[in-house]
Amino acid sequence: MDASSPSTPGEPLRHQGFRVFWSTGTLTFLGASVTMVAADALIITELEATESQVGLVRAVQFLPYPLIGLLVGALVDRWRKKPTLIWSTLGSGLALALIPLLGWAGHLSLLMVAAALFLASGLGVFTVAAQQSILPDLVRREELVIANARLGQSMTVAQTSGPPLGGALVGLIGGSSSILAGGVSNLVAAAFLLRVRVSEPPRRRVGGSIWSDVAVGVRYVYRHRTLAPLAVSTHLWFLANSAAVTVFALFALRELGLSALLYGFALAMAGIAGLGGAFAAPWIGRRLGEGNAVILARMLCAPAWIIVVLAPGSAGEAFLALCAGQAIHGFSMGLDDPNEGGYRQAVTPRQLLGRMSTTMRTVNRTMAVLGALLGGVIAGALGYTAALWGIITVFVLAAVLLALSPFRGARA
């Protein structure tokens, strides 16, 4: 299907290429959700990592972006997207499979876990850049928000079912063995991607150095009237969210003593509510404009984490408060992602999509590295409550900056 051919806008799932692409995304989202819970349980409970070590391992998973993200964006804009997707997804699956193999061999350590997660994340940089770039070749321009919403819906379903499944698997077979689910999901997804039918535009002629291509992408993002404030706000959001996720895992598993299963159920609430947000995202985006929809979503983040930090002392009530906070945060992400992604893809020229995506993601993940490190260090030094209040402040700043910028009222 040629996404640029004229026809009436409609449901993107009617396109065979997007249907298969969406199915593989759903599979990898599920595997990633299982892996997240299994890795947390493995690192915090089985390997007994300190708060700072937990932050370091989380930071390692984002480190490939500041190291290679900008370069990858320029390379993907030069390469064919489908082969890049297949090989990077396959490689990520093999990297994750190393963790259970090392565990069964009796050679698993915190360093080995961090190294395997770093390798899988590095290959994931190629995967995400190719996904963002190939989507406008699978659906039409006016279907991008709906297509991103469909991907968001499958992601939130995975976030709903994956964490409890991961928690149950950890209880049955342990953390390292449970990570095999993430590896297998990537391997199967790579095989399915072979069936994607896509008409990619001709490869652009390469002129000049790869670094000049990188510079073009960076200038495009940070000189753009609406993308620049969106980028800055998103960078702050990633700083806060990475710190929040790090502290939340420690708070739930160590401070409150939740089991891996209950921790998984709390995270699943983000997926359940996120599904609602993803279903509502196209309608809210049409009514308010993509810009205002994203601003609304980011304004919900602070209340979500205030509920967590004010969780009552009793275990049962605290668990319910954690679930409520995760639900609001999940809804905000379900609303945010399709509108932000669809807007960015619609306003960016096709030949710059890979660089636009990885420019923003590189800085986002760099902020996530800092957030994970700061979250672990501050939680260890000042306690979980102080760390969460600091995180809430950054969430508020991210929303206010965007609301006061030209991005307010923006439409694709």
Protein backbone atom coordinates (compact mmCIF):
# COMPACT_ATOMS: atom_id res chain seq x y z
CA MET A 1 0.00 0.00 0.00
CA ASP A 2 1.33 3.46 -0.86
CA ALA A 3 0.46 5.67 2.10
CA SER A 4 0.53 8.76 -0.08
CA SER A 5 -2.12 7.56 -2.53
CA PRO A 6 -5.38 9.52 -2.43
CA SER A 7 -8.29 7.74 -0.80
CA THR A 8 -10.82 8.38 1.91
CA PRO A 9 -9.34 8.46 5.45
CA GLY A 10 -10.34 5.51 7.52
CA GLU A 11 -9.21 2.79 9.90
CA PRO A 12 -5.43 2.21 9.52
CA LEU A 13 -5.82 -1.47 10.42
CA ARG A 14 -7.41 -2.02 7.01
CA HIS A 15 -3.89 -1.78 5.53
CA GLN A 16 -2.16 -5.19 5.56
CA GLY A 17 1.25 -3.71 6.25
CA PHE A 18 0.10 -1.74 9.25
CA ARG A 19 -1.92 -4.71 10.55
CA VAL A 20 1.18 -6.92 10.71
CA PHE A 21 3.28 -4.04 12.05
CA TRP A 22 0.69 -3.44 14.78
CA SER A 23 0.62 -7.16 15.68
CA THR A 24 4.39 -7.34 16.08
CA GLY A 25 4.33 -4.17 18.17
CA THR A 26 1.72 -5.71 20.46
CA LEU A 27 3.87 -8.80 20.91
CA THR A 28 7.02 -6.86 21.74
CA PHE A 29 5.12 -4.53 24.10
CA LEU A 30 3.88 -7.59 26.00
CA GLY A 31 7.37 -9.05 26.21
CA ALA A 32 8.78 -5.71 27.39
CA SER A 33 6.16 -5.44 30.14
CA VAL A 34 6.96 -8.93 31.42
CA THR A 35 10.69 -8.18 31.22
CA MET A 36 10.34 -4.95 33.22
CA VAL A 37 8.74 -6.66 36.21
CA ALA A 38 11.05 -9.67 35.98
CA ALA A 39 14.15 -7.45 35.80
CA ASP A 40 12.99 -5.36 38.78
CA ALA A 41 12.40 -8.48 40.85
CA LEU A 42 15.72 -9.98 39.75
CA ILE A 43 17.74 -6.85 40.53
CA ILE A 44 16.04 -5.71 43.74
CA THR A 45 14.96 -8.99 45.33
CA GLU A 46 17.22 -11.76 44.03
CA LEU A 47 20.49 -9.87 43.44
CA GLU A 48 19.77 -7.49 46.37
CA ALA A 49 21.01 -4.34 44.64
CA THR A 50 21.31 -1.13 46.64
CA GLU A 51 19.25 1.96 45.76
CA SER A 52 22.18 3.45 43.84
CA GLN A 53 22.79 0.18 41.98
CA VAL A 54 19.12 0.02 40.98
CA GLY A 55 19.43 3.52 39.59
CA LEU A 56 22.63 2.60 37.73
CA VAL A 57 21.09 -0.47 36.09
CA ARG A 58 18.07 1.57 34.99
CA ALA A 59 20.37 4.28 33.67
CA VAL A 60 22.37 1.73 31.67
CA GLN A 61 19.21 0.80 29.75
CA PHE A 62 18.89 4.41 28.49
CA LEU A 63 22.63 4.96 27.94
CA PRO A 64 22.74 3.83 24.26
CA TYR A 65 20.70 6.88 23.24
CA PRO A 66 23.22 9.52 24.36
CA LEU A 67 26.02 7.34 22.96
CA ILE A 68 24.66 6.50 19.50
CA GLY A 69 21.16 7.95 19.17
CA LEU A 70 21.94 10.89 16.86
CA LEU A 71 24.13 8.73 14.64
CA VAL A 72 21.45 6.05 14.40
CA GLY A 73 18.85 8.59 13.29
CA ALA A 74 21.02 9.75 10.40
CA LEU A 75 21.84 6.16 9.41
CA VAL A 76 18.21 5.04 9.46
CA ASP A 77 17.27 7.97 7.20
CA ARG A 78 19.79 6.53 4.71
CA TRP A 79 18.76 2.85 5.10
CA ARG A 80 15.73 0.79 4.18
CA LYS A 81 13.46 0.66 7.20
CA LYS A 82 12.03 -2.86 7.03
CA PRO A 83 15.38 -4.74 7.09
CA THR A 84 16.56 -2.46 9.89
CA LEU A 85 13.46 -3.33 11.91
CA ILE A 86 13.90 -7.06 11.39
CA TRP A 87 17.58 -7.29 12.31
CA SER A 88 17.41 -4.94 15.31
CA THR A 89 14.35 -6.73 16.75
CA LEU A 90 16.06 -10.09 16.29
CA GLY A 91 19.21 -8.82 18.00
CA SER A 92 17.28 -7.45 20.97
CA GLY A 93 15.62 -10.85 21.47
CA LEU A 94 18.98 -12.63 21.48
CA ALA A 95 20.44 -10.11 23.95
CA LEU A 96 17.58 -10.61 26.42
CA ALA A 97 17.88 -14.39 26.07
CA LEU A 98 21.44 -14.11 27.43
CA ILE A 99 20.12 -13.33 30.93
CA PRO A 100 18.27 -16.64 31.55
CA LEU A 101 21.08 -18.58 29.84
CA LEU A 102 23.64 -17.06 32.21
CA GLY A 103 21.29 -17.70 35.13
CA TRP A 104 20.92 -21.37 34.25
CA ALA A 105 24.70 -21.65 33.89
CA GLY A 106 25.21 -20.11 37.34
CA HIS A 107 27.19 -17.11 36.06
CA LEU A 108 24.61 -14.35 36.45
CA SER A 109 25.65 -11.15 38.22
CA LEU A 110 24.40 -7.57 38.40
CA LEU A 111 27.09 -6.59 35.88
CA MET A 112 25.97 -9.32 33.45
CA VAL A 113 22.33 -8.24 33.73
CA ALA A 114 23.28 -4.61 33.10
CA ALA A 115 25.40 -5.59 30.08
CA ALA A 116 22.63 -7.65 28.48
CA LEU A 117 20.03 -4.93 29.05
CA PHE A 118 22.45 -2.36 27.60
CA LEU A 119 22.93 -4.46 24.45
CA ALA A 120 19.18 -5.00 24.01
CA SER A 121 18.55 -1.30 24.51
CA GLY A 122 21.25 -0.35 22.01
CA LEU A 123 19.63 -2.45 19.32
CA GLY A 124 16.29 -0.97 20.36
CA VAL A 125 17.55 2.47 19.31
CA PHE A 126 17.63 1.20 15.71
CA THR A 127 14.22 -0.44 16.14
CA VAL A 128 12.45 2.68 17.39
CA ALA A 129 14.03 4.95 14.75
CA ALA A 130 12.91 2.58 12.00
CA GLN A 131 9.41 2.24 13.50
CA GLN A 132 8.90 6.01 13.61
CA SER A 133 10.18 6.39 10.05
CA ILE A 134 8.26 3.53 8.43
CA LEU A 135 4.83 4.34 9.91
CA PRO A 136 4.03 7.14 7.39
CA ASP A 137 4.72 4.58 4.63
CA LEU A 138 2.15 2.18 6.10
CA VAL A 139 -0.77 4.60 6.58
CA ARG A 140 -1.88 7.92 5.17
CA ARG A 141 -0.87 11.23 6.71
CA GLU A 142 -4.32 11.97 8.14
CA GLU A 143 -4.41 8.51 9.74
CA LEU A 144 -1.21 9.00 11.75
CA VAL A 145 -2.84 9.99 15.05
CA ILE A 146 -5.26 7.05 14.80
CA ALA A 147 -2.41 4.69 13.85
CA ASN A 148 -0.37 5.88 16.83
CA ALA A 149 -3.47 5.46 18.99
CA ARG A 150 -3.85 1.84 17.80
CA LEU A 151 -0.23 1.21 18.75
CA GLY A 152 -0.84 2.95 22.06
CA GLN A 153 -3.88 0.80 22.71
CA SER A 154 -1.95 -2.40 22.13
CA MET A 155 0.85 -1.09 24.32
CA THR A 156 -1.53 -0.37 27.16
CA VAL A 157 -3.16 -3.80 26.83
CA ALA A 158 0.34 -5.23 27.13
CA GLN A 159 1.01 -3.01 30.14
CA THR A 160 -2.19 -4.32 31.69
CA SER A 161 -1.56 -8.03 31.18
CA GLY A 162 2.24 -8.06 31.11
CA PRO A 163 3.08 -6.97 34.68
CA PRO A 164 0.76 -9.48 36.45
CA LEU A 165 1.98 -12.18 34.06
CA GLY A 166 5.57 -11.18 34.80
CA GLY A 167 4.91 -11.21 38.54
CA ALA A 168 3.32 -14.65 38.32
CA LEU A 169 6.23 -15.97 36.24
CA VAL A 170 8.74 -14.60 38.76
CA GLY A 171 6.89 -16.44 41.52
CA LEU A 172 6.96 -19.67 39.52
CA ILE A 173 10.36 -19.74 37.82
CA GLY A 174 12.36 -16.77 39.16
CA GLY A 175 13.38 -13.41 37.73
CA SER A 176 16.12 -14.43 35.30
CA SER A 177 14.10 -17.24 33.68
CA SER A 178 11.06 -14.95 33.32
CA ILE A 179 13.08 -12.54 31.17
CA LEU A 180 13.15 -15.25 28.50
CA ALA A 181 9.59 -14.18 27.65
CA GLY A 182 10.91 -10.82 26.46
CA GLY A 183 13.58 -12.50 24.35
CA VAL A 184 11.16 -14.91 22.71
CA SER A 185 8.62 -12.17 21.95
CA ASN A 186 11.28 -10.23 20.03
CA LEU A 187 12.40 -13.29 18.10
CA VAL A 188 8.83 -14.10 17.04
CA ALA A 189 8.17 -10.45 16.16
CA ALA A 190 11.24 -10.38 13.91
CA ALA A 191 9.84 -13.37 12.01
CA PHE A 192 6.42 -11.70 11.63
CA LEU A 193 8.00 -8.49 10.32
CA LEU A 194 9.08 -10.41 7.22
CA ARG A 195 5.38 -10.39 6.21
CA VAL A 196 4.99 -6.59 6.33
CA ARG A 197 4.16 -5.23 2.89
CA VAL A 198 5.39 -1.67 2.54
CA SER A 199 6.21 0.65 -0.33
CA GLU A 200 9.15 2.69 0.91
CA PRO A 201 10.22 5.80 -1.02
CA PRO A 202 13.49 5.53 -2.96
CA ARG A 203 16.58 5.78 -0.80
CA ARG A 204 17.78 9.34 -0.80
CA ARG A 205 21.12 10.16 -2.33
CA VAL A 206 23.81 10.50 0.29
CA GLY A 207 25.76 13.73 0.04
CA GLY A 208 28.18 14.99 2.65
CA SER A 209 29.22 13.38 5.90
CA ILE A 210 26.97 11.50 8.28
CA TRP A 211 27.62 14.20 10.88
CA SER A 212 26.26 16.93 8.62
CA ASP A 213 23.07 14.85 8.39
CA VAL A 214 23.00 14.69 12.21
CA ALA A 215 23.37 18.47 12.45
CA VAL A 216 20.47 19.01 10.04
CA GLY A 217 18.18 16.89 12.24
CA VAL A 218 19.20 18.68 15.44
CA ARG A 219 18.71 22.12 13.88
CA TYR A 220 15.30 21.13 12.52
CA VAL A 221 13.97 20.09 15.93
CA TYR A 222 15.34 22.93 18.06
CA ARG A 223 14.62 25.73 15.59
CA HIS A 224 11.05 24.61 14.91
CA ARG A 225 8.38 26.89 16.36
CA THR A 226 6.32 24.11 17.97
CA LEU A 227 8.64 21.10 18.02
CA ALA A 228 11.28 22.97 20.05
CA PRO A 229 9.06 23.66 23.11
CA LEU A 230 7.55 20.19 22.78
CA ALA A 231 11.06 18.72 22.85
CA VAL A 232 12.10 20.69 25.96
CA SER A 233 8.93 19.73 27.84
CA THR A 234 9.33 16.09 26.84
CA HIS A 235 12.95 16.09 28.03
CA LEU A 236 11.81 17.30 31.46
CA TRP A 237 9.02 14.70 31.47
CA PHE A 238 11.52 11.92 30.83
CA LEU A 239 13.76 13.17 33.64
CA ALA A 240 10.83 13.06 36.06
CA ASN A 241 9.33 9.82 34.78
CA SER A 242 12.60 7.88 34.88
CA ALA A 243 13.23 9.01 38.44
CA ALA A 244 9.62 8.22 39.37
CA VAL A 245 9.76 4.69 37.98
CA THR A 246 13.03 4.02 39.81
CA VAL A 247 11.73 5.29 43.15
CA PHE A 248 8.34 3.60 42.66
CA ALA A 249 9.95 0.17 42.27
CA LEU A 250 11.99 0.65 45.46
CA PHE A 251 9.03 2.14 47.34
CA ALA A 252 6.67 -0.69 46.39
CA LEU A 253 9.01 -3.67 46.67
CA ARG A 254 11.21 -2.55 49.57
CA GLU A 255 9.39 0.11 51.62
CA LEU A 256 5.90 -1.40 51.38
CA GLY A 257 7.10 -4.98 50.95
CA LEU A 258 4.74 -5.78 48.07
CA SER A 259 5.22 -9.12 46.35
CA ALA A 260 6.27 -9.18 42.72
CA LEU A 261 2.70 -10.18 41.85
CA LEU A 262 1.09 -7.21 43.66
CA TYR A 263 3.75 -4.89 42.21
CA GLY A 264 2.81 -6.21 38.78
CA PHE A 265 -0.88 -5.59 39.45
CA ALA A 266 -0.16 -2.00 40.50
CA LEU A 267 1.74 -1.41 37.26
CA ALA A 268 -1.09 -3.08 35.34
CA MET A 269 -3.42 -0.31 36.44
CA ALA A 270 -1.38 2.06 34.28
CA GLY A 271 -2.07 -0.21 31.33
CA ILE A 272 -5.80 -0.46 32.01
CA ALA A 273 -6.24 3.29 32.28
CA GLY A 274 -3.76 3.89 29.47
CA LEU A 275 -6.00 1.89 27.17
CA GLY A 276 -8.81 4.32 27.92
CA GLY A 277 -6.48 7.23 27.26
CA ALA A 278 -5.36 5.74 23.94
CA PHE A 279 -8.97 5.17 22.83
CA ALA A 280 -9.86 8.75 23.80
CA ALA A 281 -6.72 10.27 22.26
CA PRO A 282 -7.96 10.71 18.64
CA TRP A 283 -11.30 12.21 19.77
CA ILE A 284 -9.66 14.57 22.28
CA GLY A 285 -7.01 15.48 19.72
CA ARG A 286 -9.67 16.39 17.17
CA ARG A 287 -11.68 18.43 19.68
CA LEU A 288 -8.83 20.26 21.42
CA GLY A 289 -6.03 19.97 18.88
CA GLU A 290 -3.00 17.74 19.38
CA GLY A 291 -1.16 20.49 21.25
CA ASN A 292 -3.81 21.00 23.91
CA ALA A 293 -4.35 17.24 24.23
CA VAL A 294 -0.66 16.76 25.07
CA ILE A 295 -0.73 19.66 27.55
CA LEU A 296 -3.80 18.19 29.27
CA ALA A 297 -2.06 14.82 29.54
CA ARG A 298 1.01 16.33 31.15
CA MET A 299 -1.06 18.27 33.64
CA LEU A 300 -2.36 14.93 34.97
CA CYS A 301 1.09 13.62 35.91
CA ALA A 302 1.58 15.62 39.11
CA PRO A 303 -1.76 14.58 40.71
CA ALA A 304 -0.98 10.96 39.85
CA TRP A 305 2.25 10.98 41.82
CA ILE A 306 0.84 13.08 44.66
CA ILE A 307 -1.56 10.19 45.30
CA VAL A 308 1.42 7.80 45.45
CA VAL A 309 3.47 9.95 47.82
CA LEU A 310 0.46 10.39 50.14
CA ALA A 311 -0.22 6.62 50.23
CA PRO A 312 -1.61 5.58 53.66
CA GLY A 313 0.43 3.55 56.09
CA SER A 314 -1.57 0.30 56.01
CA ALA A 315 -0.48 -2.16 53.32
CA GLY A 316 -3.93 -2.61 51.78
CA GLU A 317 -4.75 1.09 51.55
CA ALA A 318 -1.26 1.90 50.29
CA PHE A 319 -1.62 -0.70 47.54
CA LEU A 320 -4.92 0.87 46.45
CA ALA A 321 -3.34 4.34 46.43
CA LEU A 322 -0.47 3.06 44.28
CA CYS A 323 -2.98 1.54 41.87
CA ALA A 324 -4.92 4.82 41.67
CA GLY A 325 -1.78 6.84 41.01
CA GLN A 326 -0.63 4.44 38.33
CA ALA A 327 -4.08 4.57 36.70
CA ILE A 328 -4.02 8.37 36.35
CA HIS A 329 -0.43 8.32 35.11
CA GLY A 330 -1.28 5.58 32.62
CA PHE A 331 -4.28 7.50 31.27
CA SER A 332 -2.09 10.55 30.76
CA MET A 333 0.46 8.53 28.76
CA GLY A 334 -2.27 6.87 26.69
CA LEU A 335 -3.61 10.33 25.81
CA ASP A 336 -0.18 11.91 25.27
CA ASP A 337 1.67 9.43 23.04
CA PRO A 338 -0.68 9.20 20.00
CA ASN A 339 -1.19 12.95 19.80
CA GLU A 340 2.47 13.79 20.26
CA GLY A 341 3.64 11.06 17.86
CA GLY A 342 1.05 11.83 15.20
CA TYR A 343 1.77 15.56 15.37
CA ARG A 344 5.55 15.10 15.08
CA GLN A 345 5.23 12.69 12.15
CA ALA A 346 2.76 14.96 10.33
CA VAL A 347 4.80 18.17 10.53
CA THR A 348 8.20 16.59 9.78
CA PRO A 349 9.36 16.07 6.17
CA ARG A 350 9.65 12.38 5.27
CA GLN A 351 13.41 12.55 4.71
CA LEU A 352 13.93 13.92 8.25
CA LEU A 353 11.71 11.51 10.21
CA GLY A 354 14.51 9.27 11.46
CA ARG A 355 16.66 12.19 12.57
CA MET A 356 13.76 14.08 14.14
CA SER A 357 12.76 11.01 16.11
CA THR A 358 16.23 10.07 17.33
CA THR A 359 17.21 13.67 18.09
CA MET A 360 14.31 13.94 20.51
CA ARG A 361 14.72 10.42 21.82
CA THR A 362 18.46 10.82 22.33
CA VAL A 363 17.98 13.79 24.65
CA ASN A 364 14.92 12.14 26.21
CA ARG A 365 16.90 9.02 27.06
CA THR A 366 19.85 11.09 28.26
CA MET A 367 17.47 12.77 30.68
CA ALA A 368 16.15 9.32 31.59
CA VAL A 369 19.72 8.25 32.46
CA LEU A 370 20.03 11.28 34.74
CA GLY A 371 16.57 10.66 36.18
CA ALA A 372 17.30 7.04 37.05
CA LEU A 373 20.60 7.96 38.67
CA LEU A 374 19.13 10.90 40.58
CA GLY A 375 16.09 8.89 41.63
CA GLY A 376 18.22 6.12 43.11
CA VAL A 377 20.71 8.48 44.78
CA ILE A 378 18.11 10.86 46.25
CA ALA A 379 15.94 7.98 47.44
CA GLY A 380 18.94 6.47 49.21
CA ALA A 381 20.08 9.78 50.71
CA LEU A 382 16.83 11.59 51.58
CA GLY A 383 14.20 8.86 51.48
CA TYR A 384 11.45 7.90 49.07
CA THR A 385 9.00 10.65 50.07
CA ALA A 386 11.46 13.51 49.50
CA ALA A 387 12.49 12.02 46.17
CA LEU A 388 8.86 11.78 44.99
CA TRP A 389 8.07 15.40 45.92
CA GLY A 390 11.06 16.55 43.88
CA ILE A 391 9.85 14.46 40.95
CA ILE A 392 6.36 15.99 41.17
CA THR A 393 7.91 19.46 40.91
CA VAL A 394 9.61 18.54 37.62
CA PHE A 395 6.35 17.13 36.21
CA VAL A 396 4.63 20.45 37.00
CA LEU A 397 7.43 22.41 35.31
CA ALA A 398 7.19 20.28 32.14
CA ALA A 399 3.44 20.93 31.85
CA VAL A 400 3.63 24.66 32.59
CA LEU A 401 6.43 25.30 30.08
CA LEU A 402 4.45 23.61 27.31
CA ALA A 403 1.21 25.40 28.21
CA LEU A 404 2.96 28.78 27.92
CA SER A 405 4.58 28.00 24.56
CA PRO A 406 3.44 28.24 20.89
CA PHE A 407 2.61 24.52 21.11
CA ARG A 408 -0.63 25.45 22.88
CA GLY A 409 -3.42 25.01 20.34
CA ALA A 410 -1.13 23.35 17.74
CA ARG A 411 -2.78 21.09 15.16
CA ALA A 412 -1.19 18.82 12.58
